[in-house]
N, C-alpha and C. Protein backbone atom coordinates (compact mmCIF):
# COMPACT_ATOMS: atom_id res chain seq x y z
N MET A 1 -37.77 45.68 18.83
CA MET A 1 -37.48 44.48 18.05
C MET A 1 -37.91 44.68 16.60
N PRO A 2 -37.07 44.29 15.63
CA PRO A 2 -37.47 44.44 14.23
C PRO A 2 -38.64 43.53 13.88
N GLU A 3 -39.47 43.98 12.99
CA GLU A 3 -40.57 43.17 12.48
C GLU A 3 -40.11 42.53 11.17
N VAL A 4 -39.86 41.22 11.21
CA VAL A 4 -39.27 40.52 10.07
C VAL A 4 -40.35 40.16 9.06
N ARG A 5 -40.10 40.53 7.83
CA ARG A 5 -40.97 40.15 6.71
C ARG A 5 -40.09 39.68 5.54
N TYR A 6 -40.75 39.14 4.52
CA TYR A 6 -40.09 38.73 3.29
C TYR A 6 -40.90 39.26 2.11
N LEU A 7 -40.21 39.55 1.01
CA LEU A 7 -40.87 40.11 -0.17
C LEU A 7 -40.73 39.15 -1.35
N PRO A 8 -41.78 38.38 -1.64
CA PRO A 8 -41.70 37.43 -2.77
C PRO A 8 -41.50 38.13 -4.10
N GLU A 9 -40.87 37.42 -5.05
CA GLU A 9 -40.69 37.98 -6.39
C GLU A 9 -42.05 38.19 -7.04
N GLN A 10 -42.13 39.21 -7.90
CA GLN A 10 -43.41 39.59 -8.49
C GLN A 10 -43.40 39.63 -10.02
N ASP A 11 -42.22 39.51 -10.64
CA ASP A 11 -42.16 39.71 -12.10
C ASP A 11 -42.05 38.42 -12.89
N GLY A 12 -42.09 37.26 -12.21
CA GLY A 12 -41.95 35.99 -12.92
C GLY A 12 -40.55 35.70 -13.38
N GLN A 13 -39.59 36.55 -13.00
CA GLN A 13 -38.18 36.35 -13.36
C GLN A 13 -37.28 36.36 -12.13
N GLY A 14 -37.88 36.37 -10.93
CA GLY A 14 -37.10 36.29 -9.70
C GLY A 14 -36.92 37.61 -8.97
N PHE A 15 -37.53 38.69 -9.47
CA PHE A 15 -37.29 40.01 -8.90
C PHE A 15 -38.60 40.74 -8.60
N VAL A 16 -38.48 41.84 -7.86
CA VAL A 16 -39.60 42.74 -7.61
C VAL A 16 -39.05 44.17 -7.64
N ASP A 17 -39.76 45.07 -8.31
CA ASP A 17 -39.32 46.46 -8.39
C ASP A 17 -39.62 47.19 -7.09
N VAL A 18 -38.60 47.85 -6.54
CA VAL A 18 -38.75 48.64 -5.32
C VAL A 18 -38.09 49.99 -5.53
N ARG A 19 -38.37 50.92 -4.64
CA ARG A 19 -37.83 52.27 -4.76
C ARG A 19 -36.85 52.55 -3.62
N MET A 20 -35.70 53.13 -3.95
CA MET A 20 -34.75 53.56 -2.94
C MET A 20 -35.22 54.89 -2.34
N THR A 21 -35.34 54.95 -1.02
CA THR A 21 -35.84 56.16 -0.38
C THR A 21 -34.90 57.34 -0.60
N ALA A 22 -33.61 57.10 -0.53
CA ALA A 22 -32.63 58.20 -0.58
C ALA A 22 -32.59 58.88 -1.94
N THR A 23 -32.76 58.12 -3.02
CA THR A 23 -32.58 58.67 -4.37
C THR A 23 -33.83 58.65 -5.23
N GLY A 24 -34.83 57.83 -4.85
CA GLY A 24 -36.01 57.67 -5.67
C GLY A 24 -35.83 56.69 -6.81
N GLU A 25 -34.62 56.13 -6.94
CA GLU A 25 -34.31 55.20 -8.03
C GLU A 25 -35.10 53.90 -7.85
N ILE A 26 -35.60 53.36 -8.97
CA ILE A 26 -36.27 52.06 -8.97
C ILE A 26 -35.23 50.99 -9.25
N ILE A 27 -35.15 49.99 -8.38
CA ILE A 27 -34.22 48.88 -8.56
C ILE A 27 -34.97 47.56 -8.53
N ALA A 28 -34.36 46.53 -9.07
CA ALA A 28 -34.95 45.19 -9.06
C ALA A 28 -34.34 44.40 -7.90
N LEU A 29 -35.15 44.13 -6.89
CA LEU A 29 -34.69 43.42 -5.70
C LEU A 29 -34.99 41.93 -5.86
N PRO A 30 -34.01 41.05 -5.62
CA PRO A 30 -34.29 39.61 -5.70
C PRO A 30 -35.38 39.21 -4.71
N GLY A 31 -36.21 38.29 -5.11
CA GLY A 31 -37.30 37.87 -4.25
C GLY A 31 -36.87 37.11 -3.01
N TYR A 32 -37.62 37.29 -1.97
CA TYR A 32 -37.55 36.56 -0.70
C TYR A 32 -36.34 36.89 0.16
N LEU A 33 -35.87 38.13 0.07
CA LEU A 33 -34.87 38.57 1.03
C LEU A 33 -35.54 38.84 2.37
N LYS A 34 -34.76 38.67 3.44
CA LYS A 34 -35.24 38.95 4.79
C LYS A 34 -35.20 40.47 5.02
N LEU A 35 -36.31 41.03 5.55
CA LEU A 35 -36.46 42.47 5.67
C LEU A 35 -36.85 42.87 7.08
N ASN A 36 -36.49 44.09 7.45
CA ASN A 36 -36.99 44.75 8.65
C ASN A 36 -38.11 45.68 8.20
N TYR A 37 -39.34 45.32 8.52
CA TYR A 37 -40.50 46.10 8.06
C TYR A 37 -40.67 47.34 8.93
N LEU A 38 -40.74 48.51 8.27
CA LEU A 38 -40.82 49.78 8.99
C LEU A 38 -42.24 50.31 9.10
N GLY A 39 -43.11 49.96 8.15
CA GLY A 39 -44.49 50.41 8.19
C GLY A 39 -44.91 51.08 6.90
N ILE A 40 -46.12 51.66 6.93
CA ILE A 40 -46.73 52.27 5.75
C ILE A 40 -46.51 53.78 5.77
N LYS A 41 -46.12 54.33 4.62
CA LYS A 41 -46.05 55.78 4.44
C LYS A 41 -46.71 56.11 3.11
N VAL A 42 -47.08 57.36 2.94
CA VAL A 42 -47.71 57.81 1.70
C VAL A 42 -46.69 58.60 0.89
N LEU A 43 -46.53 58.22 -0.38
CA LEU A 43 -45.64 58.92 -1.29
C LEU A 43 -46.42 59.26 -2.56
N ASN A 44 -46.50 60.56 -2.87
CA ASN A 44 -47.23 61.01 -4.06
C ASN A 44 -48.66 60.48 -4.09
N GLY A 45 -49.29 60.48 -2.89
CA GLY A 45 -50.67 60.04 -2.78
C GLY A 45 -50.86 58.54 -2.79
N GLN A 46 -49.78 57.79 -2.78
CA GLN A 46 -49.84 56.33 -2.86
C GLN A 46 -49.26 55.71 -1.59
N GLN A 47 -49.98 54.75 -1.01
CA GLN A 47 -49.47 54.04 0.15
C GLN A 47 -48.39 53.05 -0.26
N ARG A 48 -47.29 53.06 0.49
CA ARG A 48 -46.18 52.15 0.21
C ARG A 48 -45.71 51.52 1.51
N ASP A 49 -45.19 50.29 1.40
CA ASP A 49 -44.57 49.62 2.54
C ASP A 49 -43.08 49.93 2.52
N TYR A 50 -42.56 50.38 3.66
CA TYR A 50 -41.14 50.73 3.79
C TYR A 50 -40.41 49.66 4.60
N PHE A 51 -39.16 49.39 4.20
CA PHE A 51 -38.42 48.32 4.85
C PHE A 51 -36.92 48.50 4.62
N ILE A 52 -36.13 47.77 5.39
CA ILE A 52 -34.68 47.74 5.23
C ILE A 52 -34.25 46.28 5.14
N PRO A 53 -33.63 45.83 4.04
CA PRO A 53 -33.18 44.44 3.94
C PRO A 53 -32.09 44.11 4.96
N PHE A 54 -32.19 42.92 5.51
CA PHE A 54 -31.14 42.40 6.38
C PHE A 54 -30.01 41.74 5.57
N GLU A 55 -30.26 41.48 4.30
CA GLU A 55 -29.31 40.71 3.50
C GLU A 55 -29.34 41.17 2.05
N GLY A 56 -28.32 40.75 1.29
CA GLY A 56 -28.26 41.07 -0.12
C GLY A 56 -27.51 42.36 -0.40
N LYS A 57 -27.41 42.69 -1.68
CA LYS A 57 -26.65 43.86 -2.13
C LYS A 57 -27.16 45.16 -1.52
N TRP A 58 -28.46 45.24 -1.26
CA TRP A 58 -29.08 46.48 -0.81
C TRP A 58 -29.37 46.47 0.68
N LYS A 59 -28.72 45.61 1.44
CA LYS A 59 -29.01 45.56 2.88
C LYS A 59 -28.60 46.88 3.54
N ASN A 60 -29.34 47.20 4.58
CA ASN A 60 -29.14 48.44 5.36
C ASN A 60 -29.55 49.70 4.60
N ARG A 61 -30.19 49.55 3.43
CA ARG A 61 -30.72 50.71 2.70
C ARG A 61 -32.25 50.73 2.88
N GLU A 62 -32.81 51.90 3.07
CA GLU A 62 -34.26 51.98 3.18
C GLU A 62 -34.88 51.94 1.79
N LEU A 63 -35.82 51.03 1.61
CA LEU A 63 -36.50 50.83 0.33
C LEU A 63 -38.00 50.81 0.58
N SER A 64 -38.77 50.86 -0.50
CA SER A 64 -40.22 50.75 -0.35
C SER A 64 -40.81 50.08 -1.58
N VAL A 65 -42.00 49.53 -1.39
CA VAL A 65 -42.73 48.88 -2.48
C VAL A 65 -44.19 49.30 -2.37
N THR A 66 -44.83 49.47 -3.51
CA THR A 66 -46.24 49.82 -3.53
C THR A 66 -47.08 48.71 -2.89
N ARG A 67 -48.25 49.07 -2.40
CA ARG A 67 -49.16 48.07 -1.87
C ARG A 67 -50.09 47.57 -2.98
N LYS A 68 -50.75 46.47 -2.73
CA LYS A 68 -51.65 45.88 -3.71
C LYS A 68 -52.84 46.80 -3.98
N SER A 69 -53.52 46.56 -5.09
CA SER A 69 -54.65 47.40 -5.47
C SER A 69 -55.79 47.31 -4.45
N ASP A 70 -55.86 46.19 -3.72
CA ASP A 70 -56.90 46.04 -2.70
C ASP A 70 -56.45 46.58 -1.33
N GLY A 71 -55.25 47.20 -1.30
CA GLY A 71 -54.76 47.78 -0.06
C GLY A 71 -53.90 46.84 0.77
N GLY A 72 -53.79 45.59 0.35
CA GLY A 72 -52.98 44.62 1.07
C GLY A 72 -51.49 44.79 0.79
N SER A 73 -50.69 44.05 1.52
CA SER A 73 -49.23 44.15 1.39
C SER A 73 -48.67 42.97 0.63
N TYR A 74 -47.64 43.23 -0.18
CA TYR A 74 -46.92 42.15 -0.84
C TYR A 74 -45.98 41.43 0.12
N LEU A 75 -45.64 42.08 1.23
CA LEU A 75 -44.71 41.48 2.19
C LEU A 75 -45.41 40.38 2.97
N VAL A 76 -44.66 39.29 3.25
CA VAL A 76 -45.23 38.14 3.94
C VAL A 76 -44.38 37.81 5.17
N THR A 77 -44.95 37.00 6.07
CA THR A 77 -44.21 36.61 7.28
C THR A 77 -43.11 35.61 6.98
N GLY A 78 -43.23 34.86 5.89
CA GLY A 78 -42.11 34.03 5.44
C GLY A 78 -42.21 32.57 5.78
N ASN A 79 -41.59 31.78 4.94
CA ASN A 79 -41.48 30.33 5.13
C ASN A 79 -40.09 29.92 4.70
N ILE A 80 -39.14 29.98 5.63
CA ILE A 80 -37.75 29.70 5.32
C ILE A 80 -37.43 28.24 5.59
N LEU A 81 -36.82 27.59 4.60
CA LEU A 81 -36.41 26.19 4.72
C LEU A 81 -34.94 26.13 5.14
N GLY A 82 -34.42 24.93 5.31
CA GLY A 82 -33.04 24.75 5.74
C GLY A 82 -32.04 25.08 4.65
N SER A 83 -30.78 24.86 4.96
CA SER A 83 -29.69 25.18 4.05
C SER A 83 -29.77 24.39 2.75
N ALA A 84 -29.49 25.06 1.64
CA ALA A 84 -29.40 24.39 0.34
C ALA A 84 -28.11 23.59 0.26
N LYS A 85 -28.17 22.46 -0.43
CA LYS A 85 -27.00 21.60 -0.61
C LYS A 85 -26.84 21.31 -2.09
N ILE A 86 -25.70 21.72 -2.66
CA ILE A 86 -25.39 21.46 -4.06
C ILE A 86 -24.04 20.78 -4.13
N ILE A 87 -23.92 19.81 -5.02
CA ILE A 87 -22.65 19.12 -5.28
C ILE A 87 -22.30 19.31 -6.74
N PHE A 88 -21.04 19.64 -7.00
CA PHE A 88 -20.59 19.90 -8.37
C PHE A 88 -19.30 19.14 -8.63
N ASN A 89 -19.33 18.32 -9.70
CA ASN A 89 -18.14 17.61 -10.15
C ASN A 89 -17.63 18.30 -11.42
N PRO A 90 -16.54 19.07 -11.33
CA PRO A 90 -16.05 19.81 -12.51
C PRO A 90 -15.44 18.90 -13.57
N VAL A 91 -15.00 17.70 -13.20
CA VAL A 91 -14.41 16.78 -14.16
C VAL A 91 -15.51 16.18 -15.04
N LYS A 92 -16.59 15.73 -14.42
CA LYS A 92 -17.72 15.17 -15.16
C LYS A 92 -18.65 16.26 -15.71
N ALA A 93 -18.46 17.50 -15.25
CA ALA A 93 -19.32 18.63 -15.64
C ALA A 93 -20.77 18.35 -15.27
N ASN A 94 -20.96 17.87 -14.04
CA ASN A 94 -22.29 17.55 -13.55
C ASN A 94 -22.56 18.21 -12.20
N LEU A 95 -23.82 18.50 -11.96
CA LEU A 95 -24.26 19.12 -10.71
C LEU A 95 -25.48 18.39 -10.19
N TRP A 96 -25.59 18.33 -8.85
CA TRP A 96 -26.74 17.76 -8.17
C TRP A 96 -27.22 18.76 -7.13
N TYR A 97 -28.52 18.81 -6.87
CA TYR A 97 -29.02 19.65 -5.77
C TYR A 97 -30.05 18.88 -4.96
N GLY A 98 -30.13 19.22 -3.67
CA GLY A 98 -31.00 18.50 -2.75
C GLY A 98 -30.23 17.45 -1.98
N GLU A 99 -30.95 16.68 -1.18
CA GLU A 99 -30.32 15.67 -0.34
C GLU A 99 -31.10 14.37 -0.38
N GLY A 100 -30.39 13.26 -0.13
CA GLY A 100 -31.01 11.95 -0.01
C GLY A 100 -31.81 11.56 -1.23
N SER A 101 -32.99 10.99 -1.00
CA SER A 101 -33.83 10.53 -2.11
C SER A 101 -34.41 11.68 -2.93
N ALA A 102 -34.35 12.89 -2.38
CA ALA A 102 -34.87 14.06 -3.09
C ALA A 102 -33.81 14.74 -3.95
N ARG A 103 -32.60 14.21 -3.96
CA ARG A 103 -31.52 14.84 -4.73
C ARG A 103 -31.82 14.74 -6.23
N VAL A 104 -31.58 15.83 -6.95
CA VAL A 104 -31.84 15.92 -8.39
C VAL A 104 -30.52 16.03 -9.12
N GLY A 105 -30.34 15.27 -10.18
CA GLY A 105 -29.13 15.33 -10.98
C GLY A 105 -28.82 13.95 -11.55
N PRO A 106 -27.78 13.85 -12.36
CA PRO A 106 -26.82 14.90 -12.72
C PRO A 106 -27.37 15.88 -13.77
N ILE A 107 -26.94 17.12 -13.65
CA ILE A 107 -27.30 18.19 -14.59
C ILE A 107 -26.02 18.69 -15.24
N PHE A 108 -26.03 18.80 -16.56
CA PHE A 108 -24.84 19.21 -17.30
C PHE A 108 -24.45 20.63 -16.92
N THR A 109 -23.22 20.77 -16.40
CA THR A 109 -22.77 22.04 -15.84
C THR A 109 -21.29 22.23 -16.14
N GLN A 110 -20.93 23.39 -16.65
CA GLN A 110 -19.53 23.70 -16.96
C GLN A 110 -18.92 24.51 -15.83
N GLY A 111 -17.65 24.23 -15.53
CA GLY A 111 -16.98 25.00 -14.50
C GLY A 111 -15.49 25.09 -14.69
N SER A 112 -15.01 24.61 -15.85
CA SER A 112 -13.57 24.63 -16.08
C SER A 112 -13.08 26.03 -16.45
N GLY A 113 -13.98 26.84 -17.02
CA GLY A 113 -13.63 28.22 -17.31
C GLY A 113 -12.88 28.40 -18.62
N THR A 114 -12.59 29.64 -18.92
CA THR A 114 -11.81 29.98 -20.09
C THR A 114 -10.33 29.80 -19.78
N PRO A 115 -9.44 29.80 -20.78
CA PRO A 115 -8.01 29.60 -20.51
C PRO A 115 -7.42 30.60 -19.52
N ASN A 116 -8.00 31.80 -19.43
CA ASN A 116 -7.46 32.82 -18.54
C ASN A 116 -8.14 32.86 -17.17
N SER A 117 -9.07 31.94 -16.92
CA SER A 117 -9.77 31.94 -15.64
C SER A 117 -9.27 30.79 -14.77
N THR A 118 -9.57 30.88 -13.49
CA THR A 118 -9.15 29.86 -12.54
C THR A 118 -10.38 29.13 -12.01
N PRO A 119 -10.53 27.84 -12.28
CA PRO A 119 -11.70 27.10 -11.79
C PRO A 119 -11.65 26.93 -10.28
N LEU A 120 -12.79 26.65 -9.70
CA LEU A 120 -12.85 26.41 -8.27
C LEU A 120 -12.14 25.11 -7.91
N ARG A 121 -11.33 25.16 -6.88
CA ARG A 121 -10.71 23.94 -6.37
C ARG A 121 -11.75 23.11 -5.62
N ASP A 122 -11.47 21.82 -5.44
CA ASP A 122 -12.33 20.99 -4.61
C ASP A 122 -12.42 21.59 -3.21
N GLY A 123 -13.63 21.58 -2.67
CA GLY A 123 -13.84 22.15 -1.35
C GLY A 123 -15.30 22.54 -1.19
N VAL A 124 -15.63 23.13 -0.06
CA VAL A 124 -17.00 23.56 0.24
C VAL A 124 -17.04 25.09 0.24
N TYR A 125 -17.97 25.64 -0.53
CA TYR A 125 -18.11 27.09 -0.67
C TYR A 125 -19.54 27.50 -0.32
N GLU A 126 -19.69 28.72 0.18
CA GLU A 126 -21.01 29.25 0.47
C GLU A 126 -21.62 29.87 -0.78
N ILE A 127 -22.94 29.82 -0.86
CA ILE A 127 -23.69 30.43 -1.95
C ILE A 127 -24.49 31.59 -1.35
N SER A 128 -24.23 32.79 -1.83
CA SER A 128 -24.91 33.97 -1.30
C SER A 128 -26.29 34.13 -1.93
N VAL A 129 -27.13 34.96 -1.30
CA VAL A 129 -28.40 35.33 -1.91
C VAL A 129 -28.12 36.07 -3.22
N PRO A 130 -29.05 36.08 -4.17
CA PRO A 130 -28.82 36.77 -5.44
C PRO A 130 -28.58 38.26 -5.23
N ASP A 131 -27.91 38.89 -6.19
CA ASP A 131 -27.60 40.30 -6.05
C ASP A 131 -28.52 41.20 -6.89
N GLU A 132 -28.48 41.06 -8.21
CA GLU A 132 -29.22 41.95 -9.10
C GLU A 132 -29.39 41.24 -10.45
N PRO A 133 -30.24 41.75 -11.34
CA PRO A 133 -30.38 41.11 -12.65
C PRO A 133 -29.07 41.17 -13.44
N HIS A 134 -28.70 40.03 -14.04
CA HIS A 134 -27.50 39.95 -14.87
C HIS A 134 -27.94 39.86 -16.33
N ASN A 135 -27.64 40.90 -17.09
CA ASN A 135 -28.10 40.96 -18.47
C ASN A 135 -27.50 39.88 -19.36
N ALA A 136 -26.39 39.27 -18.90
CA ALA A 136 -25.82 38.16 -19.67
C ALA A 136 -26.78 36.99 -19.77
N GLY A 137 -27.78 36.96 -18.89
CA GLY A 137 -28.77 35.89 -18.93
C GLY A 137 -29.90 36.13 -19.90
N ASN A 138 -29.97 37.31 -20.52
CA ASN A 138 -31.08 37.63 -21.42
C ASN A 138 -31.23 36.62 -22.55
N THR A 139 -30.09 36.13 -23.04
CA THR A 139 -30.10 35.19 -24.17
C THR A 139 -30.87 33.91 -23.85
N TYR A 140 -30.96 33.58 -22.57
CA TYR A 140 -31.49 32.27 -22.18
C TYR A 140 -32.89 32.34 -21.58
N LEU A 141 -33.52 33.53 -21.63
CA LEU A 141 -34.83 33.68 -21.01
C LEU A 141 -35.90 32.79 -21.64
N SER A 142 -35.72 32.42 -22.90
CA SER A 142 -36.70 31.53 -23.55
C SER A 142 -36.63 30.12 -22.99
N GLN A 143 -35.52 29.78 -22.34
CA GLN A 143 -35.34 28.45 -21.77
C GLN A 143 -35.61 28.42 -20.26
N SER A 144 -35.38 29.53 -19.59
CA SER A 144 -35.71 29.67 -18.17
C SER A 144 -36.00 31.14 -17.89
N SER A 145 -37.15 31.42 -17.32
CA SER A 145 -37.53 32.80 -17.00
C SER A 145 -36.61 33.42 -15.96
N TYR A 146 -35.82 32.58 -15.27
CA TYR A 146 -34.97 33.06 -14.17
C TYR A 146 -33.50 33.16 -14.58
N ALA A 147 -33.24 33.22 -15.89
CA ALA A 147 -31.87 33.17 -16.38
C ALA A 147 -31.04 34.38 -15.97
N ARG A 148 -31.67 35.50 -15.63
CA ARG A 148 -30.90 36.69 -15.23
C ARG A 148 -30.57 36.69 -13.73
N LEU A 149 -31.03 35.69 -13.02
CA LEU A 149 -30.82 35.62 -11.59
C LEU A 149 -29.62 34.71 -11.30
N TRP A 150 -28.56 35.30 -10.78
CA TRP A 150 -27.31 34.59 -10.48
C TRP A 150 -27.05 34.60 -8.98
N TYR A 151 -26.37 33.54 -8.51
CA TYR A 151 -26.02 33.42 -7.10
C TYR A 151 -24.51 33.57 -6.91
N PRO A 152 -24.07 34.61 -6.19
CA PRO A 152 -22.63 34.77 -5.96
C PRO A 152 -22.05 33.64 -5.11
N ILE A 153 -20.82 33.24 -5.46
CA ILE A 153 -20.02 32.32 -4.64
C ILE A 153 -18.80 33.11 -4.20
N PRO A 154 -18.85 33.76 -3.04
CA PRO A 154 -17.72 34.60 -2.62
C PRO A 154 -16.50 33.76 -2.25
N LEU A 155 -15.32 34.24 -2.62
CA LEU A 155 -14.07 33.57 -2.32
C LEU A 155 -13.19 34.50 -1.50
N ASP A 156 -12.42 33.94 -0.57
CA ASP A 156 -11.47 34.74 0.20
C ASP A 156 -10.37 35.28 -0.73
N GLN A 157 -9.90 34.40 -1.63
CA GLN A 157 -8.89 34.82 -2.60
C GLN A 157 -8.81 33.76 -3.70
N ASN A 158 -8.32 34.16 -4.87
CA ASN A 158 -8.13 33.18 -5.92
C ASN A 158 -6.69 32.65 -5.86
N GLN A 159 -6.31 31.90 -6.86
CA GLN A 159 -5.00 31.26 -6.81
C GLN A 159 -3.84 32.27 -6.92
N ASP A 160 -4.15 33.49 -7.32
CA ASP A 160 -3.13 34.54 -7.36
C ASP A 160 -3.12 35.38 -6.10
N GLY A 161 -3.95 35.01 -5.13
CA GLY A 161 -4.00 35.74 -3.87
C GLY A 161 -4.82 37.00 -3.93
N VAL A 162 -5.66 37.15 -4.97
CA VAL A 162 -6.48 38.34 -5.14
C VAL A 162 -7.92 38.01 -4.75
N PRO A 163 -8.59 38.85 -3.93
CA PRO A 163 -10.00 38.59 -3.61
C PRO A 163 -10.81 38.42 -4.88
N ASP A 164 -11.75 37.48 -4.85
CA ASP A 164 -12.45 37.11 -6.06
C ASP A 164 -13.88 36.71 -5.72
N GLU A 165 -14.69 36.55 -6.77
CA GLU A 165 -16.06 36.09 -6.63
C GLU A 165 -16.45 35.35 -7.89
N ARG A 166 -17.11 34.24 -7.71
CA ARG A 166 -17.67 33.48 -8.83
C ARG A 166 -19.18 33.45 -8.65
N PHE A 167 -19.87 32.84 -9.62
CA PHE A 167 -21.32 32.75 -9.55
C PHE A 167 -21.78 31.35 -9.91
N LEU A 168 -22.91 30.98 -9.36
CA LEU A 168 -23.70 29.86 -9.84
C LEU A 168 -24.77 30.46 -10.73
N HIS A 169 -24.76 30.10 -12.02
CA HIS A 169 -25.72 30.69 -12.96
C HIS A 169 -25.91 29.73 -14.12
N CYS A 170 -26.86 30.05 -15.00
CA CYS A 170 -27.07 29.25 -16.20
C CYS A 170 -26.46 29.96 -17.39
N GLY A 171 -26.23 29.20 -18.46
CA GLY A 171 -25.67 29.79 -19.66
C GLY A 171 -24.79 28.82 -20.41
N SER A 172 -24.01 29.34 -21.35
CA SER A 172 -23.14 28.49 -22.17
C SER A 172 -21.68 28.89 -22.09
N VAL A 173 -21.37 29.95 -21.32
CA VAL A 173 -20.00 30.43 -21.19
C VAL A 173 -19.64 30.49 -19.72
N SER A 174 -18.45 29.99 -19.38
CA SER A 174 -17.99 30.04 -17.99
C SER A 174 -16.62 30.69 -17.93
N ALA A 175 -16.47 31.64 -17.01
CA ALA A 175 -15.17 32.25 -16.73
C ALA A 175 -14.71 31.79 -15.35
N GLY A 176 -14.87 30.50 -15.09
CA GLY A 176 -14.53 29.95 -13.79
C GLY A 176 -15.72 29.82 -12.87
N CYS A 177 -16.90 30.25 -13.32
CA CYS A 177 -18.12 30.09 -12.54
C CYS A 177 -18.64 28.66 -12.66
N VAL A 178 -19.65 28.36 -11.86
CA VAL A 178 -20.37 27.09 -12.01
C VAL A 178 -21.57 27.40 -12.89
N THR A 179 -21.49 27.00 -14.16
CA THR A 179 -22.44 27.43 -15.18
C THR A 179 -23.30 26.25 -15.63
N VAL A 180 -24.59 26.32 -15.36
CA VAL A 180 -25.52 25.27 -15.74
C VAL A 180 -25.80 25.37 -17.23
N ARG A 181 -25.26 24.42 -17.98
CA ARG A 181 -25.40 24.44 -19.45
C ARG A 181 -26.78 23.91 -19.88
N ASP A 182 -27.36 23.02 -19.10
CA ASP A 182 -28.71 22.52 -19.38
C ASP A 182 -29.68 23.56 -18.83
N VAL A 183 -29.87 24.65 -19.59
CA VAL A 183 -30.55 25.85 -19.09
C VAL A 183 -31.97 25.59 -18.60
N PRO A 184 -32.79 24.74 -19.25
CA PRO A 184 -34.13 24.51 -18.72
C PRO A 184 -34.16 23.98 -17.29
N GLN A 185 -33.06 23.38 -16.85
CA GLN A 185 -32.99 22.88 -15.48
C GLN A 185 -32.82 24.02 -14.46
N TRP A 186 -32.47 25.21 -14.94
CA TRP A 186 -32.20 26.32 -14.04
C TRP A 186 -33.44 26.72 -13.23
N THR A 187 -34.61 26.60 -13.83
CA THR A 187 -35.84 26.95 -13.12
C THR A 187 -36.01 26.10 -11.87
N GLY A 188 -35.76 24.80 -11.98
CA GLY A 188 -35.86 23.91 -10.82
C GLY A 188 -34.83 24.25 -9.76
N ILE A 189 -33.62 24.60 -10.19
CA ILE A 189 -32.57 24.98 -9.23
C ILE A 189 -32.97 26.27 -8.51
N TYR A 190 -33.47 27.24 -9.25
CA TYR A 190 -33.93 28.49 -8.64
C TYR A 190 -35.02 28.23 -7.60
N ARG A 191 -35.99 27.43 -7.96
CA ARG A 191 -37.09 27.17 -7.02
C ARG A 191 -36.62 26.42 -5.78
N TYR A 192 -35.61 25.59 -5.95
CA TYR A 192 -35.03 24.90 -4.80
C TYR A 192 -34.32 25.89 -3.87
N LEU A 193 -33.57 26.84 -4.44
CA LEU A 193 -32.77 27.78 -3.65
C LEU A 193 -33.60 28.93 -3.07
N TYR A 194 -34.75 29.20 -3.65
CA TYR A 194 -35.51 30.43 -3.44
C TYR A 194 -35.64 30.85 -1.97
N ASN A 195 -36.13 29.99 -1.12
CA ASN A 195 -36.35 30.38 0.27
C ASN A 195 -35.56 29.49 1.24
N ARG A 196 -34.38 29.06 0.80
CA ARG A 196 -33.49 28.31 1.69
C ARG A 196 -32.41 29.24 2.25
N ARG A 197 -32.01 28.96 3.49
CA ARG A 197 -30.97 29.76 4.12
C ARG A 197 -30.12 28.89 5.05
N LEU A 198 -28.81 29.11 4.96
CA LEU A 198 -27.88 28.62 5.98
C LEU A 198 -27.83 29.63 7.12
N ARG A 199 -27.84 30.89 6.75
CA ARG A 199 -27.93 32.02 7.68
C ARG A 199 -28.25 33.25 6.83
N GLU A 200 -28.37 34.41 7.44
CA GLU A 200 -28.60 35.61 6.66
C GLU A 200 -27.53 35.78 5.60
N ASP A 201 -27.93 36.12 4.39
CA ASP A 201 -27.05 36.36 3.25
C ASP A 201 -26.57 35.08 2.56
N VAL A 202 -26.81 33.92 3.13
CA VAL A 202 -26.26 32.68 2.58
C VAL A 202 -27.39 31.66 2.42
N VAL A 203 -27.62 31.23 1.15
CA VAL A 203 -28.69 30.25 0.92
C VAL A 203 -28.25 28.83 1.24
N GLY A 204 -26.95 28.55 1.17
CA GLY A 204 -26.46 27.21 1.45
C GLY A 204 -25.04 27.03 0.98
N THR A 205 -24.69 25.79 0.65
CA THR A 205 -23.31 25.49 0.26
C THR A 205 -23.26 24.72 -1.05
N ILE A 206 -22.13 24.88 -1.75
CA ILE A 206 -21.84 24.06 -2.92
C ILE A 206 -20.52 23.34 -2.65
N THR A 207 -20.56 22.03 -2.77
CA THR A 207 -19.38 21.21 -2.58
C THR A 207 -18.80 20.86 -3.94
N VAL A 208 -17.59 21.30 -4.20
CA VAL A 208 -16.88 20.96 -5.44
C VAL A 208 -16.08 19.69 -5.16
N ASN A 209 -16.44 18.61 -5.85
CA ASN A 209 -15.85 17.29 -5.60
C ASN A 209 -15.58 16.62 -6.95
N SER A 210 -14.32 16.55 -7.34
CA SER A 210 -13.96 16.03 -8.65
C SER A 210 -14.11 14.52 -8.80
N SER A 211 -14.44 13.84 -7.70
CA SER A 211 -14.62 12.38 -7.77
C SER A 211 -16.06 11.95 -7.51
N TYR A 212 -16.95 12.88 -7.28
CA TYR A 212 -18.33 12.52 -6.96
C TYR A 212 -19.05 12.00 -8.21
N ILE A 213 -19.78 10.90 -8.04
CA ILE A 213 -20.48 10.30 -9.19
C ILE A 213 -21.97 10.14 -8.94
N GLY A 214 -22.48 10.61 -7.81
CA GLY A 214 -23.92 10.56 -7.55
C GLY A 214 -24.39 9.27 -6.91
């Protein structure tokens, strides 16, 4: 049976540096992915925890992370909450997250896209776990430390019948993504999504509803 662990973010921006076993490359892994913990090995005289992610861009790859200076592990047993719920009205350019009395919003959010992009139609879409740092978010780090962390919204196909993918992210430019223009609010959205899951690889759902008013 796999030993399930989770790896919290360590850099204050939503990521933790880990090493790929096959290549030695250092990559930034999004925090709190579900992992299969393999155990401790020594590399270059240093003890490291080895694991294989169950989800995310690097799933099924063997990775490792250094242990703490006191010999402890950064990996934790985990505290996973229920599915995230987000509602987005592209007409009003507003977004809400959470449920019931705990729902937060409206938050100013663009989703109409550029003239050459196709906005999301009304409907319910899944939100995937984050993939990797997006440098387009660097401009906004002064407003939210998590601006480089984007959540994919996978689509079966776009209006031209071509497989496509959009993102939930913060910023001031949208190419059909759900783009949180009120960037300081992104930190709260990140913290809400951080350890929520609908299932492996999916943090929850976003409902696009052009008539929703909160």
